[in-house]
Amino acid sequence: MSQVGKSPCRALVAAGCILIALAGCGTTRPQTRDTSADLAAITAFNARYLKSINDGDIETLSSLTDDDHMMISPNRPPVAGKAANDAANGATFKQFKIDETWTPVETIIDRDLAYQRGTYTVVATPKAGGPAGRKSTGKFVRIYRRQADGSWRMTRDVLLGDTPPATN
């Protein structure tokens, strides 16, 4: 057989090998993880977090945030870092008895991060007396980060108040 006769066979064999190799490179869907344990852990985390707020327990509250925790609230500059958050929360706890509730609407677990959105209500009653507690409501988005030991800590807390800022 001449050289010309062998080339089409080689080309067909090569094309077949390429097609077989490409068939193995097809995209596959990622396996769905069972996140029920993570959801339960975040629900338990939220109960501890809220209890520490409502009890004015700055030590427990601080232990539930990571070092770069950031809180973003309406009409205030962001509070960045654990120390700044502890100082802000500590000052609030000295002045007010806080009664806070959350209603999560959606929680998404994505490996070592979890995202939660929902609504909140806060009643802040002055400890020094005066008018009954101030009530505020709004929406929140929170980001939680899984720690090396598998536990969760809050890393971002964004609050969106229902009451628009006052205009001049």
N, C-alpha and C. Protein backbone atom coordinates (compact mmCIF):
# COMPACT_ATOMS: atom_id res chain seq x y z
N MET A 1 0.83 -1.16 0.00
CA MET A 1 0.00 0.00 0.00
C MET A 1 0.88 1.23 0.00
N SER A 2 0.41 2.25 -0.70
CA SER A 2 1.19 3.47 -0.78
C SER A 2 1.01 4.30 0.48
N GLN A 3 1.85 5.27 0.66
CA GLN A 3 1.82 6.18 1.81
C GLN A 3 0.48 6.93 1.84
N VAL A 4 -0.06 7.25 0.69
CA VAL A 4 -1.32 7.98 0.61
C VAL A 4 -2.44 7.13 1.18
N GLY A 5 -2.44 5.84 0.96
CA GLY A 5 -3.49 4.96 1.45
C GLY A 5 -3.46 4.82 2.97
N LYS A 6 -2.30 4.95 3.60
CA LYS A 6 -2.20 4.80 5.04
C LYS A 6 -2.66 6.05 5.79
N SER A 7 -2.53 7.21 5.23
CA SER A 7 -2.87 8.47 5.92
C SER A 7 -4.34 8.55 6.30
N PRO A 8 -5.29 8.21 5.44
CA PRO A 8 -6.69 8.30 5.86
C PRO A 8 -7.00 7.37 7.04
N CYS A 9 -6.38 6.20 7.09
CA CYS A 9 -6.63 5.29 8.22
C CYS A 9 -6.06 5.88 9.50
N ARG A 10 -4.86 6.39 9.40
CA ARG A 10 -4.27 7.00 10.58
C ARG A 10 -5.10 8.20 11.04
N ALA A 11 -5.58 8.98 10.12
CA ALA A 11 -6.40 10.14 10.46
C ALA A 11 -7.69 9.71 11.16
N LEU A 12 -8.31 8.62 10.66
CA LEU A 12 -9.53 8.14 11.28
C LEU A 12 -9.27 7.60 12.70
N VAL A 13 -8.17 6.88 12.86
CA VAL A 13 -7.81 6.34 14.18
C VAL A 13 -7.52 7.50 15.13
N ALA A 14 -6.79 8.49 14.67
CA ALA A 14 -6.46 9.64 15.51
C ALA A 14 -7.74 10.40 15.89
N ALA A 15 -8.63 10.60 14.95
CA ALA A 15 -9.88 11.30 15.22
C ALA A 15 -10.72 10.51 16.23
N GLY A 16 -10.76 9.21 16.09
CA GLY A 16 -11.50 8.36 17.03
C GLY A 16 -10.93 8.48 18.43
N CYS A 17 -9.59 8.47 18.55
CA CYS A 17 -8.95 8.60 19.86
C CYS A 17 -9.26 9.96 20.49
N ILE A 18 -9.25 11.00 19.67
CA ILE A 18 -9.56 12.34 20.16
C ILE A 18 -11.01 12.39 20.66
N LEU A 19 -11.94 11.80 19.89
CA LEU A 19 -13.34 11.80 20.31
C LEU A 19 -13.54 11.04 21.62
N ILE A 20 -12.85 9.92 21.77
CA ILE A 20 -12.96 9.15 23.02
C ILE A 20 -12.41 9.97 24.18
N ALA A 21 -11.27 10.62 23.96
CA ALA A 21 -10.68 11.44 25.02
C ALA A 21 -11.59 12.60 25.39
N LEU A 22 -12.17 13.25 24.39
CA LEU A 22 -13.06 14.37 24.66
C LEU A 22 -14.33 13.94 25.37
N ALA A 23 -14.81 12.74 25.07
CA ALA A 23 -16.02 12.25 25.74
C ALA A 23 -15.79 12.14 27.25
N GLY A 24 -14.58 11.82 27.63
CA GLY A 24 -14.26 11.72 29.05
C GLY A 24 -14.07 13.06 29.72
N CYS A 25 -13.97 14.13 28.93
CA CYS A 25 -13.76 15.47 29.49
C CYS A 25 -15.05 16.25 29.67
N GLY A 26 -16.17 15.63 29.43
CA GLY A 26 -17.44 16.33 29.55
C GLY A 26 -17.64 16.88 30.95
N THR A 27 -18.42 17.94 31.03
CA THR A 27 -18.65 18.53 32.35
C THR A 27 -19.62 17.64 33.13
N THR A 28 -19.37 17.56 34.41
CA THR A 28 -20.27 16.81 35.29
C THR A 28 -20.82 17.77 36.32
N ARG A 29 -21.97 17.47 36.80
CA ARG A 29 -22.58 18.29 37.83
C ARG A 29 -21.92 17.98 39.17
N PRO A 30 -21.73 19.01 39.98
CA PRO A 30 -21.19 18.73 41.31
C PRO A 30 -22.20 17.95 42.13
N GLN A 31 -21.71 17.09 42.98
CA GLN A 31 -22.60 16.32 43.82
C GLN A 31 -23.25 17.24 44.84
N THR A 32 -24.52 17.00 45.11
CA THR A 32 -25.23 17.79 46.09
C THR A 32 -24.83 17.33 47.48
N ARG A 33 -24.38 18.28 48.31
CA ARG A 33 -23.99 17.96 49.69
C ARG A 33 -25.19 18.05 50.60
N ASP A 34 -25.21 17.22 51.61
CA ASP A 34 -26.23 17.32 52.65
C ASP A 34 -25.80 18.43 53.60
N THR A 35 -26.56 19.50 53.64
CA THR A 35 -26.20 20.65 54.47
C THR A 35 -27.05 20.73 55.74
N SER A 36 -27.82 19.69 56.03
CA SER A 36 -28.72 19.75 57.18
C SER A 36 -27.95 19.94 58.49
N ALA A 37 -26.79 19.32 58.65
CA ALA A 37 -25.99 19.51 59.88
C ALA A 37 -25.50 20.95 59.98
N ASP A 38 -25.09 21.54 58.85
CA ASP A 38 -24.64 22.93 58.86
C ASP A 38 -25.80 23.87 59.18
N LEU A 39 -26.97 23.61 58.61
CA LEU A 39 -28.13 24.45 58.90
C LEU A 39 -28.50 24.37 60.38
N ALA A 40 -28.45 23.17 60.94
CA ALA A 40 -28.74 23.02 62.38
C ALA A 40 -27.69 23.75 63.22
N ALA A 41 -26.43 23.68 62.81
CA ALA A 41 -25.36 24.36 63.55
C ALA A 41 -25.54 25.88 63.49
N ILE A 42 -25.96 26.41 62.35
CA ILE A 42 -26.16 27.85 62.23
C ILE A 42 -27.40 28.28 63.03
N THR A 43 -28.43 27.46 63.05
CA THR A 43 -29.61 27.76 63.88
C THR A 43 -29.22 27.80 65.36
N ALA A 44 -28.41 26.84 65.80
CA ALA A 44 -27.93 26.84 67.19
C ALA A 44 -27.01 28.03 67.45
N PHE A 45 -26.16 28.36 66.48
CA PHE A 45 -25.29 29.53 66.59
C PHE A 45 -26.14 30.79 66.80
N ASN A 46 -27.17 30.96 65.97
CA ASN A 46 -28.04 32.14 66.07
C ASN A 46 -28.69 32.24 67.44
N ALA A 47 -29.11 31.11 68.00
CA ALA A 47 -29.72 31.12 69.33
C ALA A 47 -28.70 31.61 70.38
N ARG A 48 -27.45 31.14 70.30
CA ARG A 48 -26.41 31.60 71.24
C ARG A 48 -26.10 33.08 71.02
N TYR A 49 -26.02 33.49 69.77
CA TYR A 49 -25.71 34.89 69.44
C TYR A 49 -26.80 35.82 69.98
N LEU A 50 -28.06 35.49 69.69
CA LEU A 50 -29.17 36.32 70.16
C LEU A 50 -29.24 36.34 71.69
N LYS A 51 -29.03 35.21 72.32
CA LYS A 51 -29.04 35.17 73.78
C LYS A 51 -27.96 36.09 74.35
N SER A 52 -26.78 36.08 73.74
CA SER A 52 -25.70 36.94 74.25
C SER A 52 -26.06 38.42 74.07
N ILE A 53 -26.72 38.77 72.97
CA ILE A 53 -27.17 40.16 72.78
C ILE A 53 -28.21 40.52 73.83
N ASN A 54 -29.22 39.68 73.97
CA ASN A 54 -30.33 39.98 74.87
C ASN A 54 -29.92 39.93 76.34
N ASP A 55 -28.85 39.17 76.66
CA ASP A 55 -28.32 39.14 78.03
C ASP A 55 -27.26 40.20 78.26
N GLY A 56 -26.85 40.93 77.22
CA GLY A 56 -25.77 41.91 77.35
C GLY A 56 -24.44 41.26 77.66
N ASP A 57 -24.23 40.05 77.14
CA ASP A 57 -23.04 39.23 77.42
C ASP A 57 -21.98 39.46 76.34
N ILE A 58 -21.15 40.48 76.54
CA ILE A 58 -20.17 40.86 75.53
C ILE A 58 -19.13 39.77 75.30
N GLU A 59 -18.74 39.02 76.33
CA GLU A 59 -17.71 37.98 76.16
C GLU A 59 -18.19 36.88 75.21
N THR A 60 -19.42 36.40 75.44
CA THR A 60 -19.95 35.35 74.55
C THR A 60 -20.15 35.91 73.15
N LEU A 61 -20.70 37.11 73.05
CA LEU A 61 -20.92 37.72 71.74
C LEU A 61 -19.60 37.82 70.98
N SER A 62 -18.56 38.27 71.65
CA SER A 62 -17.25 38.41 71.02
C SER A 62 -16.71 37.06 70.55
N SER A 63 -16.94 36.02 71.33
CA SER A 63 -16.42 34.69 70.96
C SER A 63 -17.10 34.12 69.72
N LEU A 64 -18.23 34.69 69.33
CA LEU A 64 -18.98 34.17 68.19
C LEU A 64 -18.71 34.92 66.89
N THR A 65 -17.78 35.88 66.94
CA THR A 65 -17.41 36.59 65.72
C THR A 65 -15.94 36.33 65.43
N ASP A 66 -15.57 36.41 64.15
CA ASP A 66 -14.15 36.23 63.84
C ASP A 66 -13.43 37.58 63.90
N ASP A 67 -12.12 37.54 63.80
CA ASP A 67 -11.30 38.74 64.03
C ASP A 67 -11.59 39.88 63.05
N ASP A 68 -12.01 39.55 61.83
CA ASP A 68 -12.28 40.61 60.86
C ASP A 68 -13.78 40.89 60.70
N HIS A 69 -14.55 40.56 61.72
CA HIS A 69 -16.00 40.79 61.69
C HIS A 69 -16.29 42.25 61.35
N MET A 70 -17.30 42.45 60.52
CA MET A 70 -17.71 43.80 60.14
C MET A 70 -19.22 43.91 60.27
N MET A 71 -19.67 44.99 60.92
CA MET A 71 -21.10 45.27 61.03
C MET A 71 -21.38 46.55 60.26
N ILE A 72 -22.38 46.47 59.40
CA ILE A 72 -22.79 47.63 58.60
C ILE A 72 -24.25 47.91 58.95
N SER A 73 -24.47 49.08 59.56
CA SER A 73 -25.81 49.48 60.01
C SER A 73 -26.23 50.74 59.29
N PRO A 74 -27.54 50.99 59.21
CA PRO A 74 -28.02 52.21 58.55
C PRO A 74 -27.51 53.48 59.23
N ASN A 75 -27.16 54.46 58.44
CA ASN A 75 -26.81 55.81 58.91
C ASN A 75 -25.60 55.85 59.84
N ARG A 76 -24.71 54.87 59.74
CA ARG A 76 -23.49 54.83 60.56
C ARG A 76 -22.35 54.32 59.69
N PRO A 77 -21.13 54.68 60.03
CA PRO A 77 -20.01 54.08 59.31
C PRO A 77 -19.87 52.61 59.70
N PRO A 78 -19.30 51.78 58.82
CA PRO A 78 -19.10 50.37 59.17
C PRO A 78 -18.22 50.24 60.42
N VAL A 79 -18.50 49.22 61.21
CA VAL A 79 -17.70 48.90 62.39
C VAL A 79 -16.86 47.69 62.00
N ALA A 80 -15.55 47.92 61.85
CA ALA A 80 -14.67 46.87 61.29
C ALA A 80 -13.73 46.32 62.35
N GLY A 81 -13.71 45.00 62.45
CA GLY A 81 -12.81 44.31 63.35
C GLY A 81 -13.46 43.94 64.67
N LYS A 82 -13.00 42.86 65.27
CA LYS A 82 -13.56 42.36 66.53
C LYS A 82 -13.48 43.41 67.64
N ALA A 83 -12.32 44.06 67.80
CA ALA A 83 -12.16 45.04 68.89
C ALA A 83 -13.15 46.19 68.76
N ALA A 84 -13.33 46.70 67.54
CA ALA A 84 -14.26 47.81 67.32
C ALA A 84 -15.70 47.36 67.57
N ASN A 85 -16.04 46.16 67.14
CA ASN A 85 -17.39 45.63 67.38
C ASN A 85 -17.63 45.42 68.87
N ASP A 86 -16.62 44.87 69.56
CA ASP A 86 -16.77 44.66 71.01
C ASP A 86 -16.98 46.00 71.73
N ALA A 87 -16.24 47.03 71.34
CA ALA A 87 -16.38 48.34 71.96
C ALA A 87 -17.78 48.92 71.69
N ALA A 88 -18.24 48.83 70.45
CA ALA A 88 -19.57 49.36 70.10
C ALA A 88 -20.68 48.61 70.84
N ASN A 89 -20.59 47.28 70.85
CA ASN A 89 -21.61 46.49 71.54
C ASN A 89 -21.56 46.72 73.05
N GLY A 90 -20.35 46.79 73.60
CA GLY A 90 -20.20 47.04 75.03
C GLY A 90 -20.83 48.37 75.45
N ALA A 91 -20.61 49.42 74.64
CA ALA A 91 -21.20 50.73 74.93
C ALA A 91 -22.72 50.66 74.87
N THR A 92 -23.25 49.94 73.89
CA THR A 92 -24.70 49.78 73.77
C THR A 92 -25.25 49.04 74.98
N PHE A 93 -24.59 47.95 75.39
CA PHE A 93 -25.06 47.16 76.53
C PHE A 93 -25.05 47.95 77.82
N LYS A 94 -24.13 48.92 77.96
CA LYS A 94 -24.08 49.75 79.17
C LYS A 94 -25.28 50.69 79.23
N GLN A 95 -25.74 51.16 78.07
CA GLN A 95 -26.81 52.15 78.02
C GLN A 95 -28.20 51.55 77.88
N PHE A 96 -28.31 50.39 77.23
CA PHE A 96 -29.63 49.86 76.88
C PHE A 96 -29.78 48.39 77.24
N LYS A 97 -31.00 48.01 77.57
CA LYS A 97 -31.40 46.61 77.63
C LYS A 97 -31.93 46.30 76.24
N ILE A 98 -31.34 45.33 75.59
CA ILE A 98 -31.71 45.00 74.22
C ILE A 98 -32.61 43.77 74.20
N ASP A 99 -33.67 43.85 73.40
CA ASP A 99 -34.54 42.71 73.13
C ASP A 99 -34.59 42.57 71.62
N GLU A 100 -33.84 41.62 71.10
CA GLU A 100 -33.70 41.47 69.64
C GLU A 100 -34.23 40.11 69.22
N THR A 101 -34.91 40.08 68.08
CA THR A 101 -35.37 38.82 67.48
C THR A 101 -35.01 38.83 65.99
N TRP A 102 -34.80 37.65 65.46
CA TRP A 102 -34.52 37.48 64.03
C TRP A 102 -35.48 36.45 63.46
N THR A 103 -35.81 36.65 62.20
CA THR A 103 -36.57 35.65 61.46
C THR A 103 -35.82 35.37 60.17
N PRO A 104 -35.00 34.31 60.15
CA PRO A 104 -34.31 33.97 58.91
C PRO A 104 -35.31 33.55 57.84
N VAL A 105 -35.05 33.98 56.61
CA VAL A 105 -35.91 33.65 55.48
C VAL A 105 -35.20 32.66 54.56
N GLU A 106 -33.89 32.79 54.46
CA GLU A 106 -33.12 31.94 53.55
C GLU A 106 -31.71 31.77 54.11
N THR A 107 -31.22 30.55 54.06
CA THR A 107 -29.84 30.27 54.45
C THR A 107 -29.22 29.42 53.36
N ILE A 108 -28.07 29.86 52.87
CA ILE A 108 -27.36 29.13 51.81
C ILE A 108 -25.99 28.74 52.36
N ILE A 109 -25.68 27.46 52.27
CA ILE A 109 -24.38 26.95 52.70
C ILE A 109 -23.55 26.72 51.45
N ASP A 110 -22.36 27.30 51.39
CA ASP A 110 -21.45 27.11 50.26
C ASP A 110 -20.07 26.79 50.82
N ARG A 111 -19.84 25.53 51.04
CA ARG A 111 -18.60 25.01 51.63
C ARG A 111 -18.33 25.63 52.99
N ASP A 112 -17.37 26.54 53.08
CA ASP A 112 -16.99 27.12 54.37
C ASP A 112 -17.60 28.48 54.64
N LEU A 113 -18.53 28.89 53.80
CA LEU A 113 -19.26 30.14 54.02
C LEU A 113 -20.76 29.84 54.00
N ALA A 114 -21.50 30.57 54.81
CA ALA A 114 -22.95 30.47 54.79
C ALA A 114 -23.50 31.88 54.71
N TYR A 115 -24.57 32.04 53.97
CA TYR A 115 -25.22 33.33 53.77
C TYR A 115 -26.64 33.22 54.28
N GLN A 116 -27.06 34.20 55.06
CA GLN A 116 -28.42 34.16 55.59
C GLN A 116 -29.05 35.54 55.43
N ARG A 117 -30.32 35.54 55.04
CA ARG A 117 -31.07 36.79 54.99
C ARG A 117 -32.37 36.60 55.74
N GLY A 118 -32.89 37.71 56.24
CA GLY A 118 -34.14 37.63 56.99
C GLY A 118 -34.55 38.99 57.50
N THR A 119 -35.38 38.99 58.54
CA THR A 119 -35.86 40.23 59.14
C THR A 119 -35.48 40.26 60.61
N TYR A 120 -35.44 41.46 61.17
CA TYR A 120 -35.12 41.60 62.58
C TYR A 120 -36.02 42.64 63.22
N THR A 121 -36.13 42.54 64.54
CA THR A 121 -36.78 43.54 65.37
C THR A 121 -35.90 43.76 66.58
N VAL A 122 -35.66 45.01 66.92
CA VAL A 122 -34.87 45.35 68.09
C VAL A 122 -35.64 46.38 68.92
N VAL A 123 -35.74 46.10 70.22
CA VAL A 123 -36.29 47.08 71.15
C VAL A 123 -35.15 47.41 72.11
N ALA A 124 -34.76 48.69 72.15
CA ALA A 124 -33.68 49.16 73.02
C ALA A 124 -34.29 50.03 74.12
N THR A 125 -34.27 49.52 75.34
CA THR A 125 -34.84 50.25 76.49
C THR A 125 -33.70 50.86 77.29
N PRO A 126 -33.72 52.19 77.50
CA PRO A 126 -32.65 52.83 78.27
C PRO A 126 -32.58 52.28 79.70
N LYS A 127 -31.37 51.94 80.13
CA LYS A 127 -31.19 51.44 81.50
C LYS A 127 -31.34 52.55 82.53
N ALA A 128 -31.12 53.80 82.13
CA ALA A 128 -31.22 54.94 83.04
C ALA A 128 -32.65 55.41 83.21
N GLY A 129 -33.59 54.74 82.58
CA GLY A 129 -34.98 55.16 82.66
C GLY A 129 -35.33 56.05 81.49
N GLY A 130 -36.51 56.59 81.51
CA GLY A 130 -36.95 57.43 80.40
C GLY A 130 -38.04 56.74 79.62
N PRO A 131 -38.23 57.19 78.39
CA PRO A 131 -39.32 56.63 77.58
C PRO A 131 -39.13 55.12 77.34
N ALA A 132 -40.23 54.47 77.08
CA ALA A 132 -40.20 53.04 76.78
C ALA A 132 -39.26 52.78 75.62
N GLY A 133 -38.90 51.53 75.46
CA GLY A 133 -37.90 51.15 74.47
C GLY A 133 -38.18 51.62 73.06
N ARG A 134 -37.10 51.97 72.38
CA ARG A 134 -37.15 52.33 70.96
C ARG A 134 -37.21 51.05 70.15
N LYS A 135 -38.12 50.96 69.22
CA LYS A 135 -38.26 49.77 68.40
C LYS A 135 -37.79 50.07 66.98
N SER A 136 -36.97 49.18 66.45
CA SER A 136 -36.57 49.29 65.05
C SER A 136 -36.74 47.94 64.39
N THR A 137 -37.07 47.98 63.13
CA THR A 137 -37.25 46.76 62.34
C THR A 137 -36.48 46.91 61.04
N GLY A 138 -36.21 45.78 60.42
CA GLY A 138 -35.53 45.83 59.15
C GLY A 138 -35.20 44.45 58.62
N LYS A 139 -34.30 44.45 57.69
CA LYS A 139 -33.84 43.22 57.04
C LYS A 139 -32.35 43.06 57.31
N PHE A 140 -31.87 41.84 57.24
CA PHE A 140 -30.45 41.60 57.44
C PHE A 140 -29.92 40.63 56.39
N VAL A 141 -28.61 40.73 56.18
CA VAL A 141 -27.84 39.73 55.44
C VAL A 141 -26.62 39.44 56.32
N ARG A 142 -26.40 38.18 56.60
CA ARG A 142 -25.27 37.78 57.44
C ARG A 142 -24.43 36.76 56.70
N ILE A 143 -23.13 36.83 56.94
CA ILE A 143 -22.21 35.84 56.38
C ILE A 143 -21.51 35.18 57.55
N TYR A 144 -21.50 33.86 57.52
CA TYR A 144 -20.85 33.06 58.55
C TYR A 144 -19.68 32.33 57.90
N ARG A 145 -18.62 32.13 58.68
CA ARG A 145 -17.43 31.43 58.18
C ARG A 145 -17.18 30.20 59.05
N ARG A 146 -16.98 29.04 58.39
CA ARG A 146 -16.65 27.82 59.11
C ARG A 146 -15.21 27.93 59.63
N GLN A 147 -15.01 27.55 60.88
CA GLN A 147 -13.69 27.59 61.51
C GLN A 147 -12.99 26.25 61.32
N ALA A 148 -11.72 26.21 61.62
CA ALA A 148 -10.93 24.98 61.46
C ALA A 148 -11.52 23.82 62.25
N ASP A 149 -12.15 24.09 63.39
CA ASP A 149 -12.73 23.02 64.19
C ASP A 149 -14.14 22.63 63.73
N GLY A 150 -14.63 23.24 62.63
CA GLY A 150 -15.94 22.92 62.08
C GLY A 150 -17.06 23.81 62.59
N SER A 151 -16.80 24.62 63.62
CA SER A 151 -17.83 25.52 64.15
C SER A 151 -17.98 26.72 63.21
N TRP A 152 -19.02 27.49 63.44
CA TRP A 152 -19.29 28.67 62.63
C TRP A 152 -19.13 29.92 63.47
N ARG A 153 -18.66 31.00 62.83
CA ARG A 153 -18.61 32.33 63.43
C ARG A 153 -19.15 33.32 62.42
N MET A 154 -19.72 34.41 62.94
CA MET A 154 -20.21 35.46 62.06
C MET A 154 -19.03 36.32 61.62
N THR A 155 -19.00 36.63 60.32
CA THR A 155 -17.93 37.47 59.79
C THR A 155 -18.44 38.79 59.22
N ARG A 156 -19.69 38.82 58.75
CA ARG A 156 -20.30 40.05 58.24
C ARG A 156 -21.75 40.11 58.70
N ASP A 157 -22.18 41.32 59.07
CA ASP A 157 -23.55 41.54 59.53
C ASP A 157 -24.01 42.86 58.92
N VAL A 158 -24.94 42.78 57.98
CA VAL A 158 -25.44 43.96 57.28
C VAL A 158 -26.91 44.13 57.64
N LEU A 159 -27.23 45.30 58.21
CA LEU A 159 -28.59 45.59 58.66
C LEU A 159 -29.18 46.69 57.79
N LEU A 160 -30.39 46.49 57.33
CA LEU A 160 -31.09 47.46 56.49
C LEU A 160 -32.39 47.84 57.19
N GLY A 161 -32.41 49.02 57.80
CA GLY A 161 -33.58 49.45 58.57
C GLY A 161 -34.77 49.74 57.69
N ASP A 162 -35.96 49.49 58.25
CA ASP A 162 -37.20 49.79 57.51
C ASP A 162 -37.52 51.27 57.48
N THR A 163 -37.05 52.03 58.47
CA THR A 163 -37.32 53.46 58.55
C THR A 163 -36.27 54.22 57.75
N PRO A 164 -36.68 54.99 56.76
CA PRO A 164 -35.69 55.73 55.99
C PRO A 164 -35.05 56.82 56.85
N PRO A 165 -33.84 57.22 56.50
CA PRO A 165 -33.18 58.28 57.25
C PRO A 165 -33.96 59.58 57.16
N ALA A 166 -33.89 60.37 58.21
CA ALA A 166 -34.57 61.68 58.22
C ALA A 166 -33.95 62.60 57.17
N THR A 167 -34.79 63.41 56.54
CA THR A 167 -34.29 64.38 55.56
C THR A 167 -34.35 65.76 56.17
N ASN A 168 -33.48 66.65 55.72
CA ASN A 168 -33.43 68.02 56.24
C ASN A 168 -34.36 68.92 55.51
